Amino acid sequence: MRVTLPTLTIGETKNLTFPFSVEAAGKTISSASVAASTYSGVDPSPSSLLSGAATFSGLHVTPKVTGGIAGATYLLFCTAQMTSGEAFICYGPLTISAPGVAAPTPAPVSPGGGGGGTGVQAYTANYISGAGQTTFTAPHAYAGGTVMVSLNGVEQEPTIDYTLPGGTSVVFTSGLLINDEVSIFVWV
């Protein structure tokens, strides 16, 4: 689900809200994570926009954002893992403006396709691991995109927990247990 996020002024710190009350009605969030990528402008480290881990209460997830590059627009993707094992994603563009300068209007963003203009496509693949398995296939080539990997509902750290050697391969740094649940999200 796409959400509308406020524009931030460079240096401003703000708690944002991602609501899951529509698609996850009657469910309970067990964990949540937020990933950031650069949609327009240049920022070699878009994840530094996120300050600490996201918190959640009821069916709302709240990440704290700070910093960013003036004139850049980021895409924030919030994943809420439910106690039922389901995962839901909200996303939205976040623009950083300089004091006294009007913020640009971000182009349309449409994970999953549809609509005209430039957009971001979202792809998801879910697996149950075999004993000692390390290699999985992402649902789409990820060159130039954003990848998020979760193991049993917990977001994994790139280069620490897994590597992306190229193409569509996702390789865990150590073998998984039998029946571990792996989810791979790719946004391009």
Protein backbone atom coordinates (compact mmCIF):
# COMPACT_ATOMS: atom_id res chain seq x y z
CA MET A 1 0.00 0.00 0.00
CA ARG A 2 1.33 3.42 -0.90
CA VAL A 3 1.41 6.05 1.85
CA THR A 4 1.94 9.79 1.66
CA LEU A 5 4.93 10.90 3.68
CA PRO A 6 5.67 14.51 4.64
CA THR A 7 8.60 16.42 3.13
CA LEU A 8 11.52 16.75 5.53
CA THR A 9 13.75 19.79 5.76
CA ILE A 10 17.46 18.98 5.78
CA GLY A 11 18.57 18.37 9.38
CA GLU A 12 15.02 17.72 10.61
CA THR A 13 14.25 14.55 12.59
CA LYS A 14 10.75 13.13 12.36
CA ASN A 15 8.82 10.00 13.32
CA LEU A 16 6.83 8.75 10.34
CA THR A 17 3.81 6.44 10.41
CA PHE A 18 3.09 3.46 8.19
CA PRO A 19 -0.49 2.23 8.82
CA PHE A 20 -1.39 -1.42 8.26
CA SER A 21 -4.93 -1.15 9.65
CA VAL A 22 -6.65 -1.86 6.32
CA GLU A 23 -4.79 -4.87 4.92
CA ALA A 24 -3.93 -6.38 8.31
CA ALA A 25 -7.22 -5.77 10.13
CA GLY A 26 -7.68 -8.24 12.96
CA LYS A 27 -4.02 -9.30 12.90
CA THR A 28 -1.09 -8.55 15.22
CA ILE A 29 2.34 -7.25 14.22
CA SER A 30 5.20 -9.34 15.62
CA SER A 31 8.09 -7.43 14.03
CA ALA A 32 8.69 -4.59 11.61
CA SER A 33 11.52 -3.20 9.54
CA VAL A 34 12.07 -0.26 7.21
CA ALA A 35 14.44 -0.03 4.24
CA ALA A 36 15.43 3.10 2.34
CA SER A 37 16.67 3.52 -1.21
CA THR A 38 17.40 6.60 -3.30
CA TYR A 39 14.63 7.26 -5.83
CA SER A 40 15.99 10.49 -7.30
CA GLY A 41 19.04 12.58 -6.55
CA VAL A 42 22.31 11.18 -5.28
CA ASP A 43 22.91 9.62 -1.87
CA PRO A 44 25.48 6.81 -1.66
CA SER A 45 24.15 5.76 1.75
CA PRO A 46 20.34 6.05 1.78
CA SER A 47 19.96 3.73 4.78
CA SER A 48 21.67 6.36 6.99
CA LEU A 49 18.38 8.27 6.70
CA LEU A 50 16.88 5.79 9.18
CA SER A 51 17.69 6.44 12.83
CA GLY A 52 17.46 3.25 14.90
CA ALA A 53 14.97 0.43 14.58
CA ALA A 54 11.33 1.07 13.71
CA THR A 55 8.84 0.67 16.54
CA PHE A 56 5.26 -0.53 16.26
CA SER A 57 2.05 -0.15 18.22
CA GLY A 58 -1.22 -1.74 17.21
CA LEU A 59 -1.16 -1.84 13.42
CA HIS A 60 1.10 1.20 12.96
CA VAL A 61 4.87 1.10 12.36
CA THR A 62 6.94 4.17 13.25
CA PRO A 63 10.46 4.68 11.92
CA LYS A 64 12.53 7.71 12.91
CA VAL A 65 14.19 9.50 9.97
CA THR A 66 16.85 12.19 10.05
CA GLY A 67 19.34 13.81 7.70
CA GLY A 68 19.30 12.96 4.03
CA ILE A 69 20.49 14.99 1.06
CA ALA A 70 18.66 18.18 0.08
CA GLY A 71 16.79 17.66 -3.18
CA ALA A 72 16.87 13.87 -2.94
CA THR A 73 13.75 11.72 -2.88
CA TYR A 74 13.96 8.40 -1.09
CA LEU A 75 11.68 5.40 -1.21
CA LEU A 76 10.90 3.97 2.19
CA PHE A 77 9.62 0.40 2.33
CA CYS A 78 8.09 -0.77 5.60
CA THR A 79 7.55 -4.48 6.17
CA ALA A 80 5.27 -5.64 9.00
CA GLN A 81 5.53 -9.31 9.93
CA MET A 82 2.35 -10.67 11.52
CA THR A 83 2.10 -13.31 14.24
CA SER A 84 0.18 -15.36 11.64
CA GLY A 85 3.33 -15.53 9.51
CA GLU A 86 2.02 -13.12 6.87
CA ALA A 87 4.03 -10.06 5.86
CA PHE A 88 2.62 -6.78 4.57
CA ILE A 89 4.47 -3.90 2.91
CA CYS A 90 3.74 -0.17 2.85
CA TYR A 91 5.89 2.18 0.82
CA GLY A 92 6.14 5.88 0.09
CA PRO A 93 8.44 8.56 -1.27
CA LEU A 94 10.16 10.92 1.17
CA THR A 95 11.64 14.16 -0.17
CA ILE A 96 14.31 16.19 1.61
CA SER A 97 14.23 19.95 1.04
CA ALA A 98 16.55 22.79 1.97
CA PRO A 99 15.20 25.58 4.24
CA GLY A 100 13.30 28.16 2.20
CA VAL A 101 13.35 26.04 -0.99
CA ALA A 102 10.21 24.39 -2.31
CA ALA A 103 10.46 20.60 -2.36
CA PRO A 104 10.18 18.88 -5.74
CA THR A 105 7.14 16.72 -6.38
CA PRO A 106 8.25 13.10 -6.68
CA ALA A 107 7.35 11.16 -9.81
CA PRO A 108 4.70 8.44 -9.51
CA VAL A 109 5.89 5.34 -7.67
CA SER A 110 4.13 2.07 -8.22
CA PRO A 111 5.56 -1.12 -6.76
CA GLY A 112 3.94 -4.04 -8.50
CA GLY A 113 3.53 -2.14 -11.75
CA GLY A 114 0.57 -0.42 -13.30
CA GLY A 115 0.15 3.19 -14.20
CA GLY A 116 2.30 5.32 -16.41
CA GLY A 117 5.50 7.16 -15.78
CA THR A 118 8.56 5.86 -14.07
CA GLY A 119 7.85 3.51 -11.24
CA VAL A 120 9.43 1.01 -8.96
CA GLN A 121 8.53 -2.63 -9.38
CA ALA A 122 8.33 -4.77 -6.24
CA TYR A 123 9.01 -8.50 -6.36
CA THR A 124 8.82 -11.08 -3.56
CA ALA A 125 9.92 -14.71 -3.31
CA ASN A 126 9.33 -16.98 -0.30
CA TYR A 127 11.19 -20.23 0.37
CA ILE A 128 11.42 -23.01 2.95
CA SER A 129 15.08 -24.02 3.29
CA GLY A 130 16.66 -27.42 3.16
CA ALA A 131 19.23 -28.44 5.79
CA GLY A 132 22.45 -26.48 5.22
CA GLN A 133 21.06 -24.59 2.20
CA THR A 134 22.82 -21.28 1.50
CA THR A 135 21.80 -20.20 -2.02
CA PHE A 136 18.41 -18.86 -3.07
CA THR A 137 17.12 -17.14 -6.18
CA ALA A 138 15.80 -13.58 -5.96
CA PRO A 139 12.48 -13.03 -7.75
CA HIS A 140 14.12 -10.54 -10.14
CA ALA A 141 17.60 -9.36 -11.14
CA TYR A 142 18.58 -6.77 -8.55
CA ALA A 143 21.28 -4.73 -10.30
CA GLY A 144 20.55 -1.09 -9.51
CA GLY A 145 17.73 -2.01 -7.16
CA THR A 146 17.11 -2.53 -3.48
CA VAL A 147 17.13 -5.97 -1.87
CA MET A 148 15.84 -6.96 1.55
CA VAL A 149 16.15 -10.50 2.89
CA SER A 150 14.39 -11.92 5.94
CA LEU A 151 15.00 -15.21 7.73
CA ASN A 152 12.10 -16.47 9.85
CA GLY A 153 10.63 -12.96 9.76
CA VAL A 154 13.83 -11.18 10.87
CA GLU A 155 15.52 -8.78 8.45
CA GLN A 156 19.06 -9.90 7.65
CA GLU A 157 22.13 -7.66 7.30
CA PRO A 158 23.72 -7.50 3.84
CA THR A 159 27.37 -8.67 3.73
CA ILE A 160 27.06 -9.99 7.29
CA ASP A 161 24.20 -12.49 6.94
CA TYR A 162 24.10 -12.79 3.14
CA THR A 163 25.83 -11.64 -0.03
CA LEU A 164 24.56 -10.65 -3.46
CA PRO A 165 27.10 -12.05 -5.93
CA GLY A 166 25.13 -10.86 -8.96
CA GLY A 167 22.23 -11.72 -11.22
CA THR A 168 19.52 -13.18 -9.02
CA SER A 169 21.64 -15.10 -6.48
CA VAL A 170 21.28 -14.52 -2.75
CA VAL A 171 23.83 -16.47 -0.70
CA PHE A 172 23.64 -16.79 3.09
CA THR A 173 27.01 -16.71 4.85
CA SER A 174 26.18 -19.87 6.80
CA GLY A 175 23.94 -22.86 6.12
CA LEU A 176 20.32 -22.61 7.22
CA LEU A 177 18.35 -25.09 9.26
CA ILE A 178 15.74 -27.29 7.67
CA ASN A 179 12.36 -25.50 7.30
CA ASP A 180 13.75 -21.98 7.85
CA GLU A 181 11.51 -19.42 6.15
CA VAL A 182 13.31 -17.12 3.71
CA SER A 183 11.70 -14.08 2.07
CA ILE A 184 13.50 -12.05 -0.57
CA PHE A 185 12.15 -8.64 -1.58
CA VAL A 186 13.53 -6.80 -4.62
CA TRP A 187 12.60 -3.29 -5.73
CA VAL A 188 13.86 -2.15 -9.14
